[in-house]
């Protein structure tokens, strides 16, 4: 059950802040049906060796699982949509409180819900980057789904050499790869995200374990710079002890209540 006192306290904190920044992790997307690595049926325990190295690590150890993995991902992203938590973040931006979102998710759901200023530390599944000129292109979802379906008709087991001919071509003639961060690669937009953190006076943390770096260092930096931290999570994370307010529960249930309370305060 949502604690009304905490809803009121969080609403007041947001209203009295000059610059709120959202910080979201896989738990927010999980509420839209996208499983996390650490789910009971997640990638950590479905394949030997766990998810060390992420998707690419699994494909390297289990190339025969490529069709199963990609088919599952395709169906997941075809059926998922923004949940009430995503829309609540967008509402806070429209109301003028939330200045930006820093997310570890690459599913584009914040943008689909209407958020305009989103920093994607781990990239975006619907954007490709040229391997030659580094130009980026965002693909419409239906176009990308058709592209993946075409690959699935032919794939038997995964290898970089096998998949290269199927990658889309850039205007320069080079091949384009998904613009997502795989294990061992540098995160995206870290400088921009760090600048947002330095300017915020309140960070709204949702759906993250606080275990993936360098992303997990950003709330710590915000706290060091004097910002207050509000966390919404079903369970305590490694960041909870640093937070000024912790609201246990799902983002999609709690954040809309906070938005509603703020709207009532403004009337």
C-alpha atoms as a PDB file:
ATOM      1  CA  UNK A   1       0.000   0.000   0.000  1.00  0.00           C
ATOM      2  CA  UNK A   2       1.281   3.468  -0.896  1.00  0.00           C
ATOM      3  CA  UNK A   3       2.304   5.482   2.161  1.00  0.00           C
ATOM      4  CA  UNK A   4       0.390   8.755   1.852  1.00  0.00           C
ATOM      5  CA  UNK A   5       2.739  10.626   4.188  1.00  0.00           C
ATOM      6  CA  UNK A   6       5.700   9.720   1.992  1.00  0.00           C
ATOM      7  CA  UNK A   7       3.767  10.672  -1.143  1.00  0.00           C
ATOM      8  CA  UNK A   8       3.086  14.082   0.381  1.00  0.00           C
ATOM      9  CA  UNK A   9       6.714  14.492   1.478  1.00  0.00           C
ATOM     10  CA  UNK A  10       8.096  13.547  -1.938  1.00  0.00           C
ATOM     11  CA  UNK A  11       5.625  15.887  -3.651  1.00  0.00           C
ATOM     12  CA  UNK A  12       6.660  18.782  -1.421  1.00  0.00           C
ATOM     13  CA  UNK A  13      10.352  18.090  -2.010  1.00  0.00           C
ATOM     14  CA  UNK A  14       9.850  18.157  -5.786  1.00  0.00           C
ATOM     15  CA  UNK A  15       7.742  21.323  -5.656  1.00  0.00           C
ATOM     16  CA  UNK A  16      10.373  23.158  -3.632  1.00  0.00           C
ATOM     17  CA  UNK A  17      13.277  22.087  -5.848  1.00  0.00           C
ATOM     18  CA  UNK A  18      14.746  24.262  -8.579  1.00  0.00           C
ATOM     19  CA  UNK A  19      16.091  21.488 -10.769  1.00  0.00           C
ATOM     20  CA  UNK A  20      15.011  17.839 -10.585  1.00  0.00           C
ATOM     21  CA  UNK A  21      16.823  15.125 -12.543  1.00  0.00           C
ATOM     22  CA  UNK A  22      15.484  11.596 -12.995  1.00  0.00           C
ATOM     23  CA  UNK A  23      17.772   8.573 -12.782  1.00  0.00           C
ATOM     24  CA  UNK A  24      16.224   5.322 -13.998  1.00  0.00           C
ATOM     25  CA  UNK A  25      17.246   1.710 -14.343  1.00  0.00           C
ATOM     26  CA  UNK A  26      15.958  -1.613 -15.599  1.00  0.00           C
ATOM     27  CA  UNK A  27      13.245  -1.859 -12.939  1.00  0.00           C
ATOM     28  CA  UNK A  28      11.245   0.888 -14.657  1.00  0.00           C
ATOM     29  CA  UNK A  29      11.299  -1.030 -17.956  1.00  0.00           C
ATOM     30  CA  UNK A  30      10.523  -4.281 -16.155  1.00  0.00           C
ATOM     31  CA  UNK A  31       7.113  -2.817 -15.339  1.00  0.00           C
ATOM     32  CA  UNK A  32       6.556  -2.650 -19.118  1.00  0.00           C
ATOM     33  CA  UNK A  33       7.367  -6.345 -19.522  1.00  0.00           C
ATOM     34  CA  UNK A  34      11.088  -6.110 -20.301  1.00  0.00           C
ATOM     35  CA  UNK A  35      12.875  -8.597 -18.061  1.00  0.00           C
ATOM     36  CA  UNK A  36      16.107  -7.653 -16.338  1.00  0.00           C
ATOM     37  CA  UNK A  37      19.313  -9.687 -16.213  1.00  0.00           C
ATOM     38  CA  UNK A  38      18.620 -10.391 -12.544  1.00  0.00           C
ATOM     39  CA  UNK A  39      15.038 -11.652 -12.876  1.00  0.00           C
ATOM     40  CA  UNK A  40      14.481 -15.231 -11.618  1.00  0.00           C
ATOM     41  CA  UNK A  41      14.221 -16.230 -15.296  1.00  0.00           C
ATOM     42  CA  UNK A  42      16.710 -13.643 -16.486  1.00  0.00           C
ATOM     43  CA  UNK A  43      19.896 -14.088 -18.477  1.00  0.00           C
ATOM     44  CA  UNK A  44      22.051 -14.485 -15.359  1.00  0.00           C
ATOM     45  CA  UNK A  45      20.695 -18.006 -14.730  1.00  0.00           C
ATOM     46  CA  UNK A  46      19.282 -19.185 -18.052  1.00  0.00           C
ATOM     47  CA  UNK A  47      22.655 -19.819 -19.680  1.00  0.00           C
ATOM     48  CA  UNK A  48      25.809 -21.368 -18.293  1.00  0.00           C
ATOM     49  CA  UNK A  49      28.295 -18.671 -17.441  1.00  0.00           C
ATOM     50  CA  UNK A  50      25.451 -16.301 -16.561  1.00  0.00           C
ATOM     51  CA  UNK A  51      25.195 -12.974 -18.338  1.00  0.00           C
ATOM     52  CA  UNK A  52      28.840 -12.085 -17.907  1.00  0.00           C
ATOM     53  CA  UNK A  53      29.609 -10.039 -20.991  1.00  0.00           C
ATOM     54  CA  UNK A  54      25.917  -9.311 -21.569  1.00  0.00           C
ATOM     55  CA  UNK A  55      24.098 -10.452 -24.712  1.00  0.00           C
ATOM     56  CA  UNK A  56      27.320 -10.592 -26.713  1.00  0.00           C
ATOM     57  CA  UNK A  57      28.958 -12.734 -24.027  1.00  0.00           C
ATOM     58  CA  UNK A  58      26.091 -15.212 -24.139  1.00  0.00           C
ATOM     59  CA  UNK A  59      26.172 -15.353 -27.940  1.00  0.00           C
ATOM     60  CA  UNK A  60      29.912 -15.975 -27.873  1.00  0.00           C
ATOM     61  CA  UNK A  61      29.496 -18.919 -25.490  1.00  0.00           C
ATOM     62  CA  UNK A  62      26.181 -20.127 -26.938  1.00  0.00           C
ATOM     63  CA  UNK A  63      26.041 -19.152 -30.643  1.00  0.00           C
ATOM     64  CA  UNK A  64      23.342 -21.766 -31.178  1.00  0.00           C
ATOM     65  CA  UNK A  65      21.027 -19.700 -28.914  1.00  0.00           C
ATOM     66  CA  UNK A  66      21.007 -16.708 -31.268  1.00  0.00           C
ATOM     67  CA  UNK A  67      17.605 -17.400 -32.824  1.00  0.00           C
ATOM     68  CA  UNK A  68      15.998 -18.022 -29.434  1.00  0.00           C
ATOM     69  CA  UNK A  69      17.485 -14.874 -27.919  1.00  0.00           C
ATOM     70  CA  UNK A  70      16.680 -12.541 -30.791  1.00  0.00           C
ATOM     71  CA  UNK A  71      13.182 -13.978 -31.250  1.00  0.00           C
ATOM     72  CA  UNK A  72      12.446 -13.452 -27.588  1.00  0.00           C
ATOM     73  CA  UNK A  73      13.780  -9.886 -27.674  1.00  0.00           C
ATOM     74  CA  UNK A  74      11.769  -9.121 -30.813  1.00  0.00           C
ATOM     75  CA  UNK A  75       8.495 -10.287 -29.281  1.00  0.00           C
ATOM     76  CA  UNK A  76       9.230  -8.414 -26.055  1.00  0.00           C
ATOM     77  CA  UNK A  77       9.877  -5.092 -27.759  1.00  0.00           C
ATOM     78  CA  UNK A  78       6.961  -5.545 -30.130  1.00  0.00           C
ATOM     79  CA  UNK A  79       4.558  -5.873 -27.218  1.00  0.00           C
ATOM     80  CA  UNK A  80       6.037  -3.443 -24.684  1.00  0.00           C
ATOM     81  CA  UNK A  81       4.807   0.120 -24.207  1.00  0.00           C
ATOM     82  CA  UNK A  82       5.430   2.933 -21.722  1.00  0.00           C
ATOM     83  CA  UNK A  83       3.915   2.280 -18.317  1.00  0.00           C
ATOM     84  CA  UNK A  84       2.397   4.838 -15.899  1.00  0.00           C
ATOM     85  CA  UNK A  85       5.853   5.480 -14.425  1.00  0.00           C
ATOM     86  CA  UNK A  86       7.217   6.597 -17.804  1.00  0.00           C
ATOM     87  CA  UNK A  87       4.232   8.894 -18.301  1.00  0.00           C
ATOM     88  CA  UNK A  88       4.622  10.327 -14.805  1.00  0.00           C
ATOM     89  CA  UNK A  89       8.232  11.311 -15.567  1.00  0.00           C
ATOM     90  CA  UNK A  90       7.007  13.015 -18.750  1.00  0.00           C
ATOM     91  CA  UNK A  91       4.299  14.809 -16.765  1.00  0.00           C
ATOM     92  CA  UNK A  92       6.875  16.167 -14.305  1.00  0.00           C
ATOM     93  CA  UNK A  93       8.871  17.511 -17.261  1.00  0.00           C
ATOM     94  CA  UNK A  94       5.777  19.176 -18.758  1.00  0.00           C
ATOM     95  CA  UNK A  95       5.014  20.741 -15.360  1.00  0.00           C
ATOM     96  CA  UNK A  96       8.491  22.273 -15.317  1.00  0.00           C
ATOM     97  CA  UNK A  97       9.980  20.374 -12.378  1.00  0.00           C
ATOM     98  CA  UNK A  98      11.958  17.644 -14.113  1.00  0.00           C
ATOM     99  CA  UNK A  99      14.750  19.031 -16.290  1.00  0.00           C
ATOM    100  CA  UNK A 100      16.118  15.757 -17.663  1.00  0.00           C
ATOM    101  CA  UNK A 101      16.265  11.989 -17.283  1.00  0.00           C
ATOM    102  CA  UNK A 102      19.465   9.966 -17.082  1.00  0.00           C
ATOM    103  CA  UNK A 103      18.637   6.366 -17.919  1.00  0.00           C
ATOM    104  CA  UNK A 104      20.455   3.055 -18.079  1.00  0.00           C
ATOM    105  CA  UNK A 105      17.706   1.709 -20.365  1.00  0.00           C
ATOM    106  CA  UNK A 106      17.962   1.596 -24.146  1.00  0.00           C
ATOM    107  CA  UNK A 107      14.334   0.834 -24.992  1.00  0.00           C
ATOM    108  CA  UNK A 108      13.215   4.373 -25.976  1.00  0.00           C
ATOM    109  CA  UNK A 109      10.193   4.109 -23.638  1.00  0.00           C
ATOM    110  CA  UNK A 110      10.886   7.423 -21.901  1.00  0.00           C
ATOM    111  CA  UNK A 111      10.794   9.165 -25.289  1.00  0.00           C
ATOM    112  CA  UNK A 112       7.716   7.193 -26.346  1.00  0.00           C
ATOM    113  CA  UNK A 113       5.972   8.493 -23.213  1.00  0.00           C
ATOM    114  CA  UNK A 114       6.795  12.095 -24.131  1.00  0.00           C
ATOM    115  CA  UNK A 115      10.036  12.867 -22.273  1.00  0.00           C
ATOM    116  CA  UNK A 116      12.142  15.248 -24.340  1.00  0.00           C
ATOM    117  CA  UNK A 117      15.514  15.463 -22.607  1.00  0.00           C
ATOM    118  CA  UNK A 118      16.838  11.936 -22.062  1.00  0.00           C
ATOM    119  CA  UNK A 119      20.485  10.965 -21.622  1.00  0.00           C
ATOM    120  CA  UNK A 120      20.976   7.285 -22.528  1.00  0.00           C
ATOM    121  CA  UNK A 121      24.088   5.958 -20.824  1.00  0.00           C
ATOM    122  CA  UNK A 122      23.813   2.536 -22.431  1.00  0.00           C
ATOM    123  CA  UNK A 123      22.614   3.645 -25.865  1.00  0.00           C
ATOM    124  CA  UNK A 124      19.381   3.016 -27.735  1.00  0.00           C
ATOM    125  CA  UNK A 125      18.237  -0.230 -29.361  1.00  0.00           C
ATOM    126  CA  UNK A 126      16.438   1.656 -32.121  1.00  0.00           C
ATOM    127  CA  UNK A 127      19.451   3.710 -33.167  1.00  0.00           C
ATOM    128  CA  UNK A 128      22.367   2.524 -35.300  1.00  0.00           C
ATOM    129  CA  UNK A 129      25.892   3.950 -35.606  1.00  0.00           C
ATOM    130  CA  UNK A 130      28.145   3.717 -38.660  1.00  0.00           C
ATOM    131  CA  UNK A 131      31.323   1.732 -38.085  1.00  0.00           C
ATOM    132  CA  UNK A 132      33.192   3.993 -40.535  1.00  0.00           C
ATOM    133  CA  UNK A 133      31.984   7.590 -40.107  1.00  0.00           C
ATOM    134  CA  UNK A 134      30.161   7.247 -36.737  1.00  0.00           C
ATOM    135  CA  UNK A 135      26.987   8.842 -38.145  1.00  0.00           C
ATOM    136  CA  UNK A 136      23.876   7.807 -36.208  1.00  0.00           C
ATOM    137  CA  UNK A 137      20.408   6.988 -37.483  1.00  0.00           C
ATOM    138  CA  UNK A 138      17.241   6.314 -35.508  1.00  0.00           C
ATOM    139  CA  UNK A 139      15.034   3.666 -37.135  1.00  0.00           C
ATOM    140  CA  UNK A 140      11.220   3.559 -36.834  1.00  0.00           C
ATOM    141  CA  UNK A 141      10.253   0.577 -34.719  1.00  0.00           C
ATOM    142  CA  UNK A 142       8.297  -1.198 -37.468  1.00  0.00           C
ATOM    143  CA  UNK A 143      11.245  -0.888 -39.854  1.00  0.00           C
ATOM    144  CA  UNK A 144      13.668  -2.281 -37.290  1.00  0.00           C
ATOM    145  CA  UNK A 145      11.333  -5.145 -36.386  1.00  0.00           C
ATOM    146  CA  UNK A 146      11.132  -6.146 -40.076  1.00  0.00           C
ATOM    147  CA  UNK A 147      14.924  -5.991 -40.285  1.00  0.00           C
ATOM    148  CA  UNK A 148      15.310  -8.351 -37.311  1.00  0.00           C
ATOM    149  CA  UNK A 149      12.629 -10.710 -38.659  1.00  0.00           C
ATOM    150  CA  UNK A 150      14.571 -11.002 -41.908  1.00  0.00           C
ATOM    151  CA  UNK A 151      17.698 -11.976 -39.978  1.00  0.00           C
ATOM    152  CA  UNK A 152      15.770 -14.555 -37.972  1.00  0.00           C
ATOM    153  CA  UNK A 153      14.651 -16.282 -41.180  1.00  0.00           C
ATOM    154  CA  UNK A 154      18.285 -17.063 -41.971  1.00  0.00           C
ATOM    155  CA  UNK A 155      20.190 -17.249 -38.710  1.00  0.00           C
ATOM    156  CA  UNK A 156      21.295 -20.599 -37.335  1.00  0.00           C
ATOM    157  CA  UNK A 157      24.112 -19.630 -35.033  1.00  0.00           C
ATOM    158  CA  UNK A 158      25.642 -16.257 -34.301  1.00  0.00           C
ATOM    159  CA  UNK A 159      28.982 -14.849 -35.413  1.00  0.00           C
ATOM    160  CA  UNK A 160      30.118 -11.322 -36.233  1.00  0.00           C
ATOM    161  CA  UNK A 161      31.229 -12.414 -39.720  1.00  0.00           C
ATOM    162  CA  UNK A 162      27.826 -13.975 -40.391  1.00  0.00           C
ATOM    163  CA  UNK A 163      25.774 -10.977 -39.266  1.00  0.00           C
ATOM    164  CA  UNK A 164      27.817  -8.246 -41.013  1.00  0.00           C
ATOM    165  CA  UNK A 165      26.126  -8.562 -44.455  1.00  0.00           C
ATOM    166  CA  UNK A 166      22.723  -8.129 -42.780  1.00  0.00           C
ATOM    167  CA  UNK A 167      23.578  -4.840 -41.061  1.00  0.00           C
ATOM    168  CA  UNK A 168      22.067  -1.678 -42.587  1.00  0.00           C
ATOM    169  CA  UNK A 169      24.300   0.514 -44.739  1.00  0.00           C
ATOM    170  CA  UNK A 170      25.211   4.115 -43.994  1.00  0.00           C
ATOM    171  CA  UNK A 171      25.112   6.927 -46.571  1.00  0.00           C
ATOM    172  CA  UNK A 172      28.916   6.764 -46.632  1.00  0.00           C
ATOM    173  CA  UNK A 173      28.787   3.101 -47.661  1.00  0.00           C
ATOM    174  CA  UNK A 174      29.891   1.719 -44.294  1.00  0.00           C
ATOM    175  CA  UNK A 175      27.956  -0.750 -42.183  1.00  0.00           C
ATOM    176  CA  UNK A 176      25.934   0.371 -39.171  1.00  0.00           C
ATOM    177  CA  UNK A 177      25.780  -1.445 -35.833  1.00  0.00           C
ATOM    178  CA  UNK A 178      23.194  -1.075 -33.043  1.00  0.00           C
ATOM    179  CA  UNK A 179      24.137   1.992 -30.986  1.00  0.00           C
ATOM    180  CA  UNK A 180      24.052   0.180 -27.668  1.00  0.00           C
ATOM    181  CA  UNK A 181      26.784  -0.225 -25.086  1.00  0.00           C
ATOM    182  CA  UNK A 182      27.994  -3.790 -24.661  1.00  0.00           C
ATOM    183  CA  UNK A 183      30.091  -4.993 -21.734  1.00  0.00           C
ATOM    184  CA  UNK A 184      33.540  -3.434 -21.779  1.00  0.00           C
ATOM    185  CA  UNK A 185      32.537  -0.448 -23.941  1.00  0.00           C
ATOM    186  CA  UNK A 186      32.446   3.135 -22.703  1.00  0.00           C
ATOM    187  CA  UNK A 187      29.045   4.476 -21.739  1.00  0.00           C
ATOM    188  CA  UNK A 188      27.402   7.209 -23.795  1.00  0.00           C
ATOM    189  CA  UNK A 189      26.663  10.821 -22.828  1.00  0.00           C
ATOM    190  CA  UNK A 190      28.476  10.545 -19.510  1.00  0.00           C
ATOM    191  CA  UNK A 191      29.817  14.112 -19.698  1.00  0.00           C
ATOM    192  CA  UNK A 192      26.346  15.519 -20.383  1.00  0.00           C
ATOM    193  CA  UNK A 193      24.833  13.397 -17.611  1.00  0.00           C
ATOM    194  CA  UNK A 194      27.517  14.498 -15.164  1.00  0.00           C
ATOM    195  CA  UNK A 195      26.775  18.135 -16.008  1.00  0.00           C
ATOM    196  CA  UNK A 196      23.089  17.539 -15.265  1.00  0.00           C
ATOM    197  CA  UNK A 197      24.010  15.940 -11.961  1.00  0.00           C
ATOM    198  CA  UNK A 198      26.171  18.902 -10.974  1.00  0.00           C
ATOM    199  CA  UNK A 199      23.297  21.317 -11.613  1.00  0.00           C
ATOM    200  CA  UNK A 200      20.452  19.410  -9.941  1.00  0.00           C
ATOM    201  CA  UNK A 201      19.245  19.981  -6.399  1.00  0.00           C
ATOM    202  CA  UNK A 202      17.072  16.845  -6.326  1.00  0.00           C
ATOM    203  CA  UNK A 203      17.516  13.465  -8.005  1.00  0.00           C
ATOM    204  CA  UNK A 204      14.564  11.135  -8.438  1.00  0.00           C
ATOM    205  CA  UNK A 205      15.923   7.562  -8.521  1.00  0.00           C
ATOM    206  CA  UNK A 206      13.747   4.724  -9.844  1.00  0.00           C
ATOM    207  CA  UNK A 207      14.205   1.063 -10.691  1.00  0.00           C
ATOM    208  CA  UNK A 208      17.959   0.701 -10.320  1.00  0.00           C
ATOM    209  CA  UNK A 209      20.037  -1.662  -8.198  1.00  0.00           C
ATOM    210  CA  UNK A 210      22.833   0.899  -7.976  1.00  0.00           C
ATOM    211  CA  UNK A 211      25.329  -1.819  -8.887  1.00  0.00           C
ATOM    212  CA  UNK A 212      26.277  -0.904 -12.468  1.00  0.00           C
ATOM    213  CA  UNK A 213      29.115   1.582 -12.853  1.00  0.00           C
ATOM    214  CA  UNK A 214      29.877   4.261 -13.870  1.00  0.00           C
ATOM    215  CA  UNK A 215      26.127   5.014 -13.845  1.00  0.00           C
ATOM    216  CA  UNK A 216      25.764   4.179 -10.148  1.00  0.00           C
ATOM    217  CA  UNK A 217      28.305   6.881  -9.250  1.00  0.00           C
ATOM    218  CA  UNK A 218      26.023   9.663 -10.514  1.00  0.00           C
ATOM    219  CA  UNK A 219      23.576   9.683  -7.561  1.00  0.00           C
ATOM    220  CA  UNK A 220      26.578   9.620  -5.224  1.00  0.00           C
ATOM    221  CA  UNK A 221      28.004  12.649  -7.021  1.00  0.00           C
ATOM    222  CA  UNK A 222      24.640  14.417  -6.819  1.00  0.00           C
ATOM    223  CA  UNK A 223      24.563  13.864  -3.063  1.00  0.00           C
ATOM    224  CA  UNK A 224      28.112  15.162  -2.686  1.00  0.00           C
ATOM    225  CA  UNK A 225      27.073  18.295  -4.583  1.00  0.00           C
ATOM    226  CA  UNK A 226      24.282  18.937  -2.094  1.00  0.00           C
ATOM    227  CA  UNK A 227      21.309  17.455  -3.954  1.00  0.00           C
ATOM    228  CA  UNK A 228      18.587  15.568  -2.118  1.00  0.00           C
ATOM    229  CA  UNK A 229      17.813  12.022  -3.264  1.00  0.00           C
ATOM    230  CA  UNK A 230      14.393  10.382  -3.500  1.00  0.00           C
ATOM    231  CA  UNK A 231      14.310   6.679  -4.354  1.00  0.00           C
ATOM    232  CA  UNK A 232      11.356   4.622  -5.590  1.00  0.00           C
ATOM    233  CA  UNK A 233      12.128   0.899  -5.683  1.00  0.00           C
ATOM    234  CA  UNK A 234      10.385  -2.353  -4.726  1.00  0.00           C
ATOM    235  CA  UNK A 235      13.439  -3.229  -2.626  1.00  0.00           C
ATOM    236  CA  UNK A 236      16.285  -1.303  -1.091  1.00  0.00           C
ATOM    237  CA  UNK A 237      19.299  -0.787  -3.339  1.00  0.00           C
ATOM    238  CA  UNK A 238      22.940   0.038  -2.713  1.00  0.00           C
ATOM    239  CA  UNK A 239      21.880   3.701  -2.944  1.00  0.00           C
ATOM    240  CA  UNK A 240      19.074   3.611  -0.380  1.00  0.00           C
ATOM    241  CA  UNK A 241      21.242   4.492   2.630  1.00  0.00           C
ATOM    242  CA  UNK A 242      22.268   7.730   0.898  1.00  0.00           C
ATOM    243  CA  UNK A 243      18.712   8.772   0.067  1.00  0.00           C
ATOM    244  CA  UNK A 244      16.735  11.414   1.933  1.00  0.00           C
ATOM    245  CA  UNK A 245      13.485   9.604   1.229  1.00  0.00           C
ATOM    246  CA  UNK A 246      12.793   6.005   0.212  1.00  0.00           C
ATOM    247  CA  UNK A 247       9.395   4.928  -1.115  1.00  0.00           C
ATOM    248  CA  UNK A 248       9.124   1.131  -1.425  1.00  0.00           C
ATOM    249  CA  UNK A 249       7.090   0.002  -4.410  1.00  0.00           C
ATOM    250  CA  UNK A 250       6.751   0.179  -8.173  1.00  0.00           C
ATOM    251  CA  UNK A 251       7.478   3.397 -10.024  1.00  0.00           C
ATOM    252  CA  UNK A 252       4.305   2.986 -12.092  1.00  0.00           C
ATOM    253  CA  UNK A 253       2.197   2.935  -8.926  1.00  0.00           C
ATOM    254  CA  UNK A 254       3.972   5.525  -6.789  1.00  0.00           C
ATOM    255  CA  UNK A 255       5.169   8.229  -9.194  1.00  0.00           C
ATOM    256  CA  UNK A 256       1.692   8.888 -10.699  1.00  0.00           C
ATOM    257  CA  UNK A 257       0.448   9.407  -7.130  1.00  0.00           C
ATOM    258  CA  UNK A 258       3.217  11.937  -6.540  1.00  0.00           C
ATOM    259  CA  UNK A 259       2.312  13.759  -9.766  1.00  0.00           C
ATOM    260  CA  UNK A 260      -1.354  13.804  -8.739  1.00  0.00           C
ATOM    261  CA  UNK A 261      -0.443  15.221  -5.313  1.00  0.00           C
ATOM    262  CA  UNK A 262       1.687  17.948  -6.915  1.00  0.00           C
ATOM    263  CA  UNK A 263      -1.150  18.870  -9.261  1.00  0.00           C
ATOM    264  CA  UNK A 264      -3.516  19.178  -6.295  1.00  0.00           C
ATOM    265  CA  UNK A 265      -0.982  21.312  -4.399  1.00  0.00           C
ATOM    266  CA  UNK A 266      -0.762  23.677  -7.367  1.00  0.00           C
ATOM    267  CA  UNK A 267      -4.526  24.201  -7.593  1.00  0.00           C
END
